[in-house]
Structures are given as C-alpha cells and as structure tokens.
C-alpha cells in the first residue's frame, strides 16, 4: 500500500509539473499575442470597422446590427480569454512559490 501511495504521489507531482510548464508556455504565448503590434492593430481596426458599420446601419437593418454586436462581443471574449490565460499562469506561479508542496 505504501508503494502505491508513493508511486501515485510521484506521478501526480510529475503531472502537476508538466501542467505548470504547459500553463507557463500558454501564458507566454498569450502575452506575446496581446503585446504584438500587429495583433493589437488588427483588433483595433476590426473594432473600429464594426463600430462604423453599426453606426452606419439603417433603422430597419436589425439583423446586421445584431451580427455586428455579436462580432464585437466575440472580439471582447477573445481578449478576455487571453488575459485569463495570463492571469492563471501568474496565479499558478505564485501558488507554486508560496506553497510548493500543495
């Protein structure tokens, strides 16, 4: 029974270490994207174009406005998701530093 617990702890520790490395890599990738000038420009231009289309739509063009609204929300969700990856990586690193045995 003791061997099984020891083996399980070892496997769990290796899996957690691999997950931390993977999260660290994801965090770095997300940071690179959110600070990449071309990526930032693309989101800005898309948002401006969509907003312009929305403002230029006619009163009767409800379907187009709803599509534009959904596209704008999607841009927001992508940015929030990437920010969340960064924050999760930072929290994991802090937890690992403060509580390395948890």
PDB file of N, CA and C in Angstrom:
ATOM      1  N   UNK A   1       0.826  -1.191   0.000  1.00  0.00           N
ATOM      2  CA  UNK A   1       0.000   0.000   0.000  1.00  0.00           C
ATOM      3  C   UNK A   1       0.871   1.255   0.000  1.00  0.00           C
ATOM      4  N   UNK A   2       1.950   1.273   0.764  1.00  0.00           N
ATOM      5  CA  UNK A   2       2.856   2.409   0.831  1.00  0.00           C
ATOM      6  C   UNK A   2       3.496   2.695  -0.516  1.00  0.00           C
ATOM      7  N   UNK A   3       3.840   1.634  -1.255  1.00  0.00           N
ATOM      8  CA  UNK A   3       4.444   1.814  -2.580  1.00  0.00           C
ATOM      9  C   UNK A   3       3.470   2.468  -3.543  1.00  0.00           C
ATOM     10  N   UNK A   4       2.208   2.068  -3.460  1.00  0.00           N
ATOM     11  CA  UNK A   4       1.206   2.638  -4.342  1.00  0.00           C
ATOM     12  C   UNK A   4       1.023   4.128  -4.072  1.00  0.00           C
ATOM     13  N   UNK A   5       0.983   4.501  -2.787  1.00  0.00           N
ATOM     14  CA  UNK A   5       0.841   5.915  -2.444  1.00  0.00           C
ATOM     15  C   UNK A   5       2.039   6.702  -2.937  1.00  0.00           C
ATOM     16  N   UNK A   6       3.229   6.155  -2.715  1.00  0.00           N
ATOM     17  CA  UNK A   6       4.454   6.828  -3.146  1.00  0.00           C
ATOM     18  C   UNK A   6       4.483   6.983  -4.657  1.00  0.00           C
ATOM     19  N   UNK A   7       4.109   5.928  -5.379  1.00  0.00           N
ATOM     20  CA  UNK A   7       4.090   5.971  -6.837  1.00  0.00           C
ATOM     21  C   UNK A   7       3.049   6.981  -7.308  1.00  0.00           C
ATOM     22  N   UNK A   8       1.880   6.990  -6.668  1.00  0.00           N
ATOM     23  CA  UNK A   8       0.821   7.921  -7.044  1.00  0.00           C
ATOM     24  C   UNK A   8       1.269   9.362  -6.830  1.00  0.00           C
ATOM     25  N   UNK A   9       1.897   9.636  -5.682  1.00  0.00           N
ATOM     26  CA  UNK A   9       2.388  10.988  -5.406  1.00  0.00           C
ATOM     27  C   UNK A   9       3.418  11.402  -6.445  1.00  0.00           C
ATOM     28  N   UNK A  10       4.296  10.494  -6.810  1.00  0.00           N
ATOM     29  CA  UNK A  10       5.324  10.791  -7.802  1.00  0.00           C
ATOM     30  C   UNK A  10       4.703  11.111  -9.150  1.00  0.00           C
ATOM     31  N   UNK A  11       3.725  10.288  -9.572  1.00  0.00           N
ATOM     32  CA  UNK A  11       3.060  10.523 -10.855  1.00  0.00           C
ATOM     33  C   UNK A  11       2.266  11.827 -10.824  1.00  0.00           C
ATOM     34  N   UNK A  12       1.605  12.092  -9.697  1.00  0.00           N
ATOM     35  CA  UNK A  12       0.836  13.318  -9.563  1.00  0.00           C
ATOM     36  C   UNK A  12       1.756  14.522  -9.622  1.00  0.00           C
ATOM     37  N   UNK A  13       2.884  14.442  -8.940  1.00  0.00           N
ATOM     38  CA  UNK A  13       3.847  15.533  -8.928  1.00  0.00           C
ATOM     39  C   UNK A  13       4.365  15.805 -10.340  1.00  0.00           C
ATOM     40  N   UNK A  14       4.663  14.741 -11.096  1.00  0.00           N
ATOM     41  CA  UNK A  14       5.145  14.912 -12.465  1.00  0.00           C
ATOM     42  C   UNK A  14       4.070  15.545 -13.335  1.00  0.00           C
ATOM     43  N   UNK A  15       2.834  15.111 -13.177  1.00  0.00           N
ATOM     44  CA  UNK A  15       1.729  15.665 -13.964  1.00  0.00           C
ATOM     45  C   UNK A  15       1.540  17.136 -13.637  1.00  0.00           C
ATOM     46  N   UNK A  16       1.586  17.482 -12.357  1.00  0.00           N
ATOM     47  CA  UNK A  16       1.419  18.883 -11.958  1.00  0.00           C
ATOM     48  C   UNK A  16       2.559  19.735 -12.505  1.00  0.00           C
ATOM     49  N   UNK A  17       3.772  19.217 -12.490  1.00  0.00           N
ATOM     50  CA  UNK A  17       4.920  19.938 -13.036  1.00  0.00           C
ATOM     51  C   UNK A  17       4.740  20.158 -14.527  1.00  0.00           C
ATOM     52  N   UNK A  18       4.288  19.137 -15.234  1.00  0.00           N
ATOM     53  CA  UNK A  18       4.045  19.273 -16.672  1.00  0.00           C
ATOM     54  C   UNK A  18       2.953  20.299 -16.935  1.00  0.00           C
ATOM     55  N   UNK A  19       1.898  20.286 -16.120  1.00  0.00           N
ATOM     56  CA  UNK A  19       0.809  21.253 -16.285  1.00  0.00           C
ATOM     57  C   UNK A  19       1.301  22.674 -16.048  1.00  0.00           C
ATOM     58  N   UNK A  20       2.156  22.873 -15.034  1.00  0.00           N
ATOM     59  CA  UNK A  20       2.706  24.199 -14.770  1.00  0.00           C
ATOM     60  C   UNK A  20       3.547  24.684 -15.942  1.00  0.00           C
ATOM     61  N   UNK A  21       4.354  23.779 -16.515  1.00  0.00           N
ATOM     62  CA  UNK A  21       5.166  24.155 -17.671  1.00  0.00           C
ATOM     63  C   UNK A  21       4.280  24.505 -18.856  1.00  0.00           C
ATOM     64  N   UNK A  22       3.242  23.712 -19.071  1.00  0.00           N
ATOM     65  CA  UNK A  22       2.312  23.972 -20.169  1.00  0.00           C
ATOM     66  C   UNK A  22       1.602  25.304 -19.954  1.00  0.00           C
ATOM     67  N   UNK A  23       1.141  25.555 -18.717  1.00  0.00           N
ATOM     68  CA  UNK A  23       0.477  26.824 -18.420  1.00  0.00           C
ATOM     69  C   UNK A  23       1.429  27.995 -18.581  1.00  0.00           C
ATOM     70  N   UNK A  24       2.692  27.802 -18.205  1.00  0.00           N
ATOM     71  CA  UNK A  24       3.694  28.848 -18.373  1.00  0.00           C
ATOM     72  C   UNK A  24       3.909  29.168 -19.834  1.00  0.00           C
ATOM     73  N   UNK A  25       3.929  28.147 -20.657  1.00  0.00           N
ATOM     74  CA  UNK A  25       4.098  28.335 -22.098  1.00  0.00           C
ATOM     75  C   UNK A  25       2.872  29.043 -22.676  1.00  0.00           C
ATOM     76  N   UNK A  26       1.702  28.625 -22.249  1.00  0.00           N
ATOM     77  CA  UNK A  26       0.467  29.275 -22.715  1.00  0.00           C
ATOM     78  C   UNK A  26       0.447  30.730 -22.280  1.00  0.00           C
ATOM     79  N   UNK A  27       0.898  30.977 -21.053  1.00  0.00           N
ATOM     80  CA  UNK A  27       0.941  32.347 -20.538  1.00  0.00           C
ATOM     81  C   UNK A  27       1.853  33.210 -21.405  1.00  0.00           C
ATOM     82  N   UNK A  28       3.017  32.686 -21.727  1.00  0.00           N
ATOM     83  CA  UNK A  28       3.969  33.425 -22.563  1.00  0.00           C
ATOM     84  C   UNK A  28       3.389  33.679 -23.951  1.00  0.00           C
ATOM     85  N   UNK A  29       2.746  32.669 -24.525  1.00  0.00           N
ATOM     86  CA  UNK A  29       2.133  32.829 -25.847  1.00  0.00           C
ATOM     87  C   UNK A  29       1.045  33.903 -25.818  1.00  0.00           C
ATOM     88  N   UNK A  30       0.212  33.879 -24.780  1.00  0.00           N
ATOM     89  CA  UNK A  30      -0.862  34.862 -24.659  1.00  0.00           C
ATOM     90  C   UNK A  30      -0.293  36.269 -24.486  1.00  0.00           C
ATOM     91  N   UNK A  31       0.768  36.390 -23.685  1.00  0.00           N
ATOM     92  CA  UNK A  31       1.408  37.701 -23.502  1.00  0.00           C
ATOM     93  C   UNK A  31       1.967  38.214 -24.819  1.00  0.00           C
ATOM     94  N   UNK A  32       2.607  37.320 -25.565  1.00  0.00           N
ATOM     95  CA  UNK A  32       3.156  37.724 -26.863  1.00  0.00           C
ATOM     96  C   UNK A  32       2.059  38.220 -27.790  1.00  0.00           C
ATOM     97  N   UNK A  33       0.932  37.525 -27.812  1.00  0.00           N
ATOM     98  CA  UNK A  33      -0.177  37.943 -28.670  1.00  0.00           C
ATOM     99  C   UNK A  33      -0.714  39.309 -28.260  1.00  0.00           C
ATOM    100  N   UNK A  34      -0.975  39.481 -26.974  1.00  0.00           N
ATOM    101  CA  UNK A  34      -1.597  40.720 -26.515  1.00  0.00           C
ATOM    102  C   UNK A  34      -0.664  41.925 -26.590  1.00  0.00           C
ATOM    103  N   UNK A  35       0.634  41.681 -26.727  1.00  0.00           N
ATOM    104  CA  UNK A  35       1.585  42.787 -26.860  1.00  0.00           C
ATOM    105  C   UNK A  35       2.129  42.906 -28.281  1.00  0.00           C
ATOM    106  N   UNK A  36       1.683  42.019 -29.165  1.00  0.00           N
ATOM    107  CA  UNK A  36       2.124  42.053 -30.551  1.00  0.00           C
ATOM    108  C   UNK A  36       1.434  43.212 -31.268  1.00  0.00           C
ATOM    109  N   UNK A  37       2.221  44.107 -31.864  1.00  0.00           N
ATOM    110  CA  UNK A  37       1.668  45.300 -32.509  1.00  0.00           C
ATOM    111  C   UNK A  37       0.653  44.955 -33.597  1.00  0.00           C
ATOM    112  N   UNK A  38       0.951  43.945 -34.403  1.00  0.00           N
ATOM    113  CA  UNK A  38       0.046  43.573 -35.485  1.00  0.00           C
ATOM    114  C   UNK A  38      -1.270  43.024 -34.943  1.00  0.00           C
ATOM    115  N   UNK A  39      -1.190  42.217 -33.904  1.00  0.00           N
ATOM    116  CA  UNK A  39      -2.391  41.654 -33.278  1.00  0.00           C
ATOM    117  C   UNK A  39      -3.249  42.768 -32.683  1.00  0.00           C
ATOM    118  N   UNK A  40      -2.604  43.678 -31.950  1.00  0.00           N
ATOM    119  CA  UNK A  40      -3.319  44.798 -31.330  1.00  0.00           C
ATOM    120  C   UNK A  40      -3.959  45.672 -32.408  1.00  0.00           C
ATOM    121  N   UNK A  41      -3.195  45.939 -33.474  1.00  0.00           N
ATOM    122  CA  UNK A  41      -3.731  46.742 -34.577  1.00  0.00           C
ATOM    123  C   UNK A  41      -4.930  46.056 -35.232  1.00  0.00           C
ATOM    124  N   UNK A  42      -4.832  44.760 -35.440  1.00  0.00           N
ATOM    125  CA  UNK A  42      -5.924  44.014 -36.073  1.00  0.00           C
ATOM    126  C   UNK A  42      -7.206  44.127 -35.251  1.00  0.00           C
ATOM    127  N   UNK A  43      -7.099  43.974 -33.938  1.00  0.00           N
ATOM    128  CA  UNK A  43      -8.279  44.085 -33.086  1.00  0.00           C
ATOM    129  C   UNK A  43      -8.839  45.498 -33.112  1.00  0.00           C
ATOM    130  N   UNK A  44      -7.948  46.486 -33.098  1.00  0.00           N
ATOM    131  CA  UNK A  44      -8.388  47.883 -33.120  1.00  0.00           C
ATOM    132  C   UNK A  44      -9.115  48.190 -34.427  1.00  0.00           C
ATOM    133  N   UNK A  45      -8.521  47.794 -35.553  1.00  0.00           N
ATOM    134  CA  UNK A  45      -9.126  48.056 -36.859  1.00  0.00           C
ATOM    135  C   UNK A  45     -10.460  47.323 -36.992  1.00  0.00           C
ATOM    136  N   UNK A  46     -10.498  46.060 -36.580  1.00  0.00           N
ATOM    137  CA  UNK A  46     -11.756  45.307 -36.635  1.00  0.00           C
ATOM    138  C   UNK A  46     -12.841  45.983 -35.806  1.00  0.00           C
ATOM    139  N   UNK A  47     -12.479  46.384 -34.597  1.00  0.00           N
ATOM    140  CA  UNK A  47     -13.446  47.023 -33.705  1.00  0.00           C
ATOM    141  C   UNK A  47     -13.949  48.341 -34.320  1.00  0.00           C
ATOM    142  N   UNK A  48     -13.021  49.133 -34.871  1.00  0.00           N
ATOM    143  CA  UNK A  48     -13.411  50.402 -35.495  1.00  0.00           C
ATOM    144  C   UNK A  48     -14.315  50.169 -36.710  1.00  0.00           C
ATOM    145  N   UNK A  49     -13.948  49.197 -37.557  1.00  0.00           N
ATOM    146  CA  UNK A  49     -14.761  48.894 -38.741  1.00  0.00           C
ATOM    147  C   UNK A  49     -16.158  48.424 -38.351  1.00  0.00           C
ATOM    148  N   UNK A  50     -16.220  47.532 -37.388  1.00  0.00           N
ATOM    149  CA  UNK A  50     -17.524  47.013 -36.952  1.00  0.00           C
ATOM    150  C   UNK A  50     -18.378  48.115 -36.331  1.00  0.00           C
ATOM    151  N   UNK A  51     -17.749  48.948 -35.527  1.00  0.00           N
ATOM    152  CA  UNK A  51     -18.478  50.055 -34.902  1.00  0.00           C
ATOM    153  C   UNK A  51     -18.986  51.024 -35.970  1.00  0.00           C
ATOM    154  N   UNK A  52     -18.150  51.298 -36.971  1.00  0.00           N
ATOM    155  CA  UNK A  52     -18.567  52.167 -38.073  1.00  0.00           C
ATOM    156  C   UNK A  52     -19.746  51.584 -38.836  1.00  0.00           C
ATOM    157  N   UNK A  53     -19.696  50.281 -39.087  1.00  0.00           N
ATOM    158  CA  UNK A  53     -20.812  49.617 -39.772  1.00  0.00           C
ATOM    159  C   UNK A  53     -22.089  49.693 -38.931  1.00  0.00           C
ATOM    160  N   UNK A  54     -21.922  49.527 -37.641  1.00  0.00           N
ATOM    161  CA  UNK A  54     -23.065  49.572 -36.738  1.00  0.00           C
ATOM    162  C   UNK A  54     -23.716  50.960 -36.775  1.00  0.00           C
ATOM    163  N   UNK A  55     -22.862  51.991 -36.662  1.00  0.00           N
ATOM    164  CA  UNK A  55     -23.381  53.361 -36.682  1.00  0.00           C
ATOM    165  C   UNK A  55     -23.984  53.715 -38.038  1.00  0.00           C
ATOM    166  N   UNK A  56     -23.480  53.134 -39.105  1.00  0.00           N
ATOM    167  CA  UNK A  56     -23.975  53.423 -40.443  1.00  0.00           C
ATOM    168  C   UNK A  56     -25.175  52.594 -40.867  1.00  0.00           C
ATOM    169  N   UNK A  57     -25.599  51.680 -40.007  1.00  0.00           N
ATOM    170  CA  UNK A  57     -26.730  50.821 -40.383  1.00  0.00           C
ATOM    171  C   UNK A  57     -28.043  51.601 -40.320  1.00  0.00           C
ATOM    172  N   UNK A  58     -28.981  51.138 -41.099  1.00  0.00           N
ATOM    173  CA  UNK A  58     -30.291  51.799 -41.115  1.00  0.00           C
ATOM    174  C   UNK A  58     -31.160  51.287 -39.975  1.00  0.00           C
ATOM    175  N   UNK A  59     -32.222  51.993 -39.755  1.00  0.00           N
ATOM    176  CA  UNK A  59     -33.156  51.633 -38.682  1.00  0.00           C
ATOM    177  C   UNK A  59     -33.713  50.230 -38.884  1.00  0.00           C
ATOM    178  N   UNK A  60     -33.936  49.870 -40.122  1.00  0.00           N
ATOM    179  CA  UNK A  60     -34.564  48.584 -40.427  1.00  0.00           C
ATOM    180  C   UNK A  60     -33.569  47.428 -40.537  1.00  0.00           C
ATOM    181  N   UNK A  61     -32.296  47.705 -40.386  1.00  0.00           N
ATOM    182  CA  UNK A  61     -31.266  46.666 -40.555  1.00  0.00           C
ATOM    183  C   UNK A  61     -30.911  46.013 -39.216  1.00  0.00           C
ATOM    184  N   UNK A  62     -31.920  45.498 -38.556  1.00  0.00           N
ATOM    185  CA  UNK A  62     -31.766  44.896 -37.224  1.00  0.00           C
ATOM    186  C   UNK A  62     -30.836  43.689 -37.267  1.00  0.00           C
ATOM    187  N   UNK A  63     -30.997  42.846 -38.265  1.00  0.00           N
ATOM    188  CA  UNK A  63     -30.190  41.624 -38.361  1.00  0.00           C
ATOM    189  C   UNK A  63     -28.703  41.957 -38.498  1.00  0.00           C
ATOM    190  N   UNK A  64     -28.380  42.958 -39.306  1.00  0.00           N
ATOM    191  CA  UNK A  64     -26.976  43.354 -39.485  1.00  0.00           C
ATOM    192  C   UNK A  64     -26.410  43.889 -38.173  1.00  0.00           C
ATOM    193  N   UNK A  65     -27.172  44.725 -37.479  1.00  0.00           N
ATOM    194  CA  UNK A  65     -26.698  45.274 -36.196  1.00  0.00           C
ATOM    195  C   UNK A  65     -26.475  44.164 -35.173  1.00  0.00           C
ATOM    196  N   UNK A  66     -27.349  43.183 -35.156  1.00  0.00           N
ATOM    197  CA  UNK A  66     -27.170  42.074 -34.215  1.00  0.00           C
ATOM    198  C   UNK A  66     -25.924  41.267 -34.556  1.00  0.00           C
ATOM    199  N   UNK A  67     -25.666  41.064 -35.828  1.00  0.00           N
ATOM    200  CA  UNK A  67     -24.448  40.352 -36.246  1.00  0.00           C
ATOM    201  C   UNK A  67     -23.202  41.128 -35.847  1.00  0.00           C
ATOM    202  N   UNK A  68     -23.252  42.436 -36.053  1.00  0.00           N
ATOM    203  CA  UNK A  68     -22.109  43.287 -35.688  1.00  0.00           C
ATOM    204  C   UNK A  68     -21.909  43.262 -34.181  1.00  0.00           C
ATOM    205  N   UNK A  69     -22.997  43.347 -33.434  1.00  0.00           N
ATOM    206  CA  UNK A  69     -22.900  43.305 -31.975  1.00  0.00           C
ATOM    207  C   UNK A  69     -22.255  41.999 -31.515  1.00  0.00           C
ATOM    208  N   UNK A  70     -22.677  40.884 -32.121  1.00  0.00           N
ATOM    209  CA  UNK A  70     -22.088  39.586 -31.773  1.00  0.00           C
ATOM    210  C   UNK A  70     -20.594  39.550 -32.102  1.00  0.00           C
ATOM    211  N   UNK A  71     -20.212  40.123 -33.240  1.00  0.00           N
ATOM    212  CA  UNK A  71     -18.802  40.150 -33.627  1.00  0.00           C
ATOM    213  C   UNK A  71     -17.989  40.971 -32.627  1.00  0.00           C
ATOM    214  N   UNK A  72     -18.532  42.099 -32.195  1.00  0.00           N
ATOM    215  CA  UNK A  72     -17.834  42.920 -31.194  1.00  0.00           C
ATOM    216  C   UNK A  72     -17.690  42.165 -29.871  1.00  0.00           C
ATOM    217  N   UNK A  73     -18.728  41.461 -29.461  1.00  0.00           N
ATOM    218  CA  UNK A  73     -18.654  40.673 -28.217  1.00  0.00           C
ATOM    219  C   UNK A  73     -17.606  39.561 -28.350  1.00  0.00           C
ATOM    220  N   UNK A  74     -17.520  38.975 -29.541  1.00  0.00           N
ATOM    221  CA  UNK A  74     -16.536  37.916 -29.768  1.00  0.00           C
ATOM    222  C   UNK A  74     -15.116  38.462 -29.635  1.00  0.00           C
ATOM    223  N   UNK A  75     -14.860  39.646 -30.179  1.00  0.00           N
ATOM    224  CA  UNK A  75     -13.544  40.265 -30.008  1.00  0.00           C
ATOM    225  C   UNK A  75     -13.228  40.444 -28.526  1.00  0.00           C
ATOM    226  N   UNK A  76     -14.212  40.925 -27.771  1.00  0.00           N
ATOM    227  CA  UNK A  76     -14.025  41.092 -26.324  1.00  0.00           C
ATOM    228  C   UNK A  76     -13.712  39.762 -25.652  1.00  0.00           C
ATOM    229  N   UNK A  77     -14.458  38.725 -26.025  1.00  0.00           N
ATOM    230  CA  UNK A  77     -14.264  37.403 -25.393  1.00  0.00           C
ATOM    231  C   UNK A  77     -12.884  36.838 -25.687  1.00  0.00           C
ATOM    232  N   UNK A  78     -12.391  37.060 -26.893  1.00  0.00           N
ATOM    233  CA  UNK A  78     -11.042  36.578 -27.234  1.00  0.00           C
ATOM    234  C   UNK A  78     -10.014  37.270 -26.358  1.00  0.00           C
ATOM    235  N   UNK A  79     -10.119  38.587 -26.231  1.00  0.00           N
ATOM    236  CA  UNK A  79      -9.176  39.327 -25.396  1.00  0.00           C
ATOM    237  C   UNK A  79      -9.255  38.895 -23.929  1.00  0.00           C
ATOM    238  N   UNK A  80     -10.470  38.713 -23.427  1.00  0.00           N
ATOM    239  CA  UNK A  80     -10.652  38.273 -22.039  1.00  0.00           C
ATOM    240  C   UNK A  80     -10.067  36.883 -21.840  1.00  0.00           C
ATOM    241  N   UNK A  81     -10.261  36.007 -22.806  1.00  0.00           N
ATOM    242  CA  UNK A  81      -9.730  34.651 -22.691  1.00  0.00           C
ATOM    243  C   UNK A  81      -8.198  34.669 -22.627  1.00  0.00           C
ATOM    244  N   UNK A  82      -7.571  35.452 -23.491  1.00  0.00           N
ATOM    245  CA  UNK A  82      -6.111  35.537 -23.474  1.00  0.00           C
ATOM    246  C   UNK A  82      -5.616  36.149 -22.164  1.00  0.00           C
ATOM    247  N   UNK A  83      -6.300  37.168 -21.671  1.00  0.00           N
ATOM    248  CA  UNK A  83      -5.935  37.769 -20.383  1.00  0.00           C
ATOM    249  C   UNK A  83      -6.085  36.767 -19.249  1.00  0.00           C
ATOM    250  N   UNK A  84      -7.115  35.951 -19.332  1.00  0.00           N
ATOM    251  CA  UNK A  84      -7.351  34.935 -18.315  1.00  0.00           C
ATOM    252  C   UNK A  84      -6.229  33.886 -18.295  1.00  0.00           C
ATOM    253  N   UNK A  85      -5.720  33.539 -19.465  1.00  0.00           N
ATOM    254  CA  UNK A  85      -4.597  32.592 -19.538  1.00  0.00           C
ATOM    255  C   UNK A  85      -3.380  33.184 -18.837  1.00  0.00           C
ATOM    256  N   UNK A  86      -3.145  34.464 -19.057  1.00  0.00           N
ATOM    257  CA  UNK A  86      -2.008  35.139 -18.406  1.00  0.00           C
ATOM    258  C   UNK A  86      -2.192  35.137 -16.901  1.00  0.00           C
ATOM    259  N   UNK A  87      -3.369  35.520 -16.441  1.00  0.00           N
ATOM    260  CA  UNK A  87      -3.628  35.578 -15.002  1.00  0.00           C
ATOM    261  C   UNK A  87      -3.546  34.203 -14.357  1.00  0.00           C
ATOM    262  N   UNK A  88      -4.045  33.182 -15.023  1.00  0.00           N
ATOM    263  CA  UNK A  88      -3.977  31.821 -14.486  1.00  0.00           C
ATOM    264  C   UNK A  88      -2.533  31.373 -14.348  1.00  0.00           C
ATOM    265  N   UNK A  89      -1.716  31.682 -15.341  1.00  0.00           N
ATOM    266  CA  UNK A  89      -0.294  31.335 -15.273  1.00  0.00           C
ATOM    267  C   UNK A  89       0.403  32.057 -14.140  1.00  0.00           C
ATOM    268  N   UNK A  90       0.073  33.340 -13.952  1.00  0.00           N
ATOM    269  CA  UNK A  90       0.672  34.107 -12.866  1.00  0.00           C
ATOM    270  C   UNK A  90       0.247  33.552 -11.505  1.00  0.00           C
ATOM    271  N   UNK A  91      -1.041  33.205 -11.375  1.00  0.00           N
ATOM    272  CA  UNK A  91      -1.526  32.646 -10.112  1.00  0.00           C
ATOM    273  C   UNK A  91      -0.869  31.292  -9.823  1.00  0.00           C
ATOM    274  N   UNK A  92      -0.716  30.469 -10.850  1.00  0.00           N
ATOM    275  CA  UNK A  92      -0.087  29.157 -10.658  1.00  0.00           C
ATOM    276  C   UNK A  92       1.351  29.325 -10.203  1.00  0.00           C
ATOM    277  N   UNK A  93       2.044  30.288 -10.786  1.00  0.00           N
ATOM    278  CA  UNK A  93       3.445  30.522 -10.408  1.00  0.00           C
ATOM    279  C   UNK A  93       3.534  31.000  -8.955  1.00  0.00           C
ATOM    280  N   UNK A  94       2.629  31.892  -8.554  1.00  0.00           N
ATOM    281  CA  UNK A  94       2.619  32.395  -7.176  1.00  0.00           C
ATOM    282  C   UNK A  94       2.301  31.260  -6.210  1.00  0.00           C
ATOM    283  N   UNK A  95       1.302  30.451  -6.553  1.00  0.00           N
ATOM    284  CA  UNK A  95       0.953  29.311  -5.686  1.00  0.00           C
ATOM    285  C   UNK A  95       2.121  28.347  -5.558  1.00  0.00           C
ATOM    286  N   UNK A  96       2.823  28.120  -6.654  1.00  0.00           N
ATOM    287  CA  UNK A  96       3.952  27.198  -6.628  1.00  0.00           C
ATOM    288  C   UNK A  96       5.080  27.758  -5.762  1.00  0.00           C
ATOM    289  N   UNK A  97       5.267  29.063  -5.798  1.00  0.00           N
ATOM    290  CA  UNK A  97       6.308  29.686  -4.975  1.00  0.00           C
ATOM    291  C   UNK A  97       5.941  29.695  -3.499  1.00  0.00           C
ATOM    292  N   UNK A  98       4.668  29.997  -3.202  1.00  0.00           N
ATOM    293  CA  UNK A  98       4.239  30.109  -1.820  1.00  0.00           C
ATOM    294  C   UNK A  98       3.940  28.770  -1.175  1.00  0.00           C
ATOM    295  N   UNK A  99       3.464  27.826  -1.992  1.00  0.00           N
ATOM    296  CA  UNK A  99       3.049  26.525  -1.460  1.00  0.00           C
ATOM    297  C   UNK A  99       3.556  25.424  -2.395  1.00  0.00           C
ATOM    298  N   UNK A 100       4.868  25.184  -2.417  1.00  0.00           N
ATOM    299  CA  UNK A 100       5.409  24.225  -3.393  1.00  0.00           C
ATOM    300  C   UNK A 100       4.974  22.780  -3.162  1.00  0.00           C
ATOM    301  N   UNK A 101       4.416  22.457  -2.011  1.00  0.00           N
ATOM    302  CA  UNK A 101       4.067  21.064  -1.738  1.00  0.00           C
ATOM    303  C   UNK A 101       2.571  20.790  -1.878  1.00  0.00           C
ATOM    304  N   UNK A 102       1.827  21.787  -2.331  1.00  0.00           N
ATOM    305  CA  UNK A 102       0.379  21.589  -2.471  1.00  0.00           C
ATOM    306  C   UNK A 102       0.102  21.082  -3.861  1.00  0.00           C
TER     307      UNK A 102
END
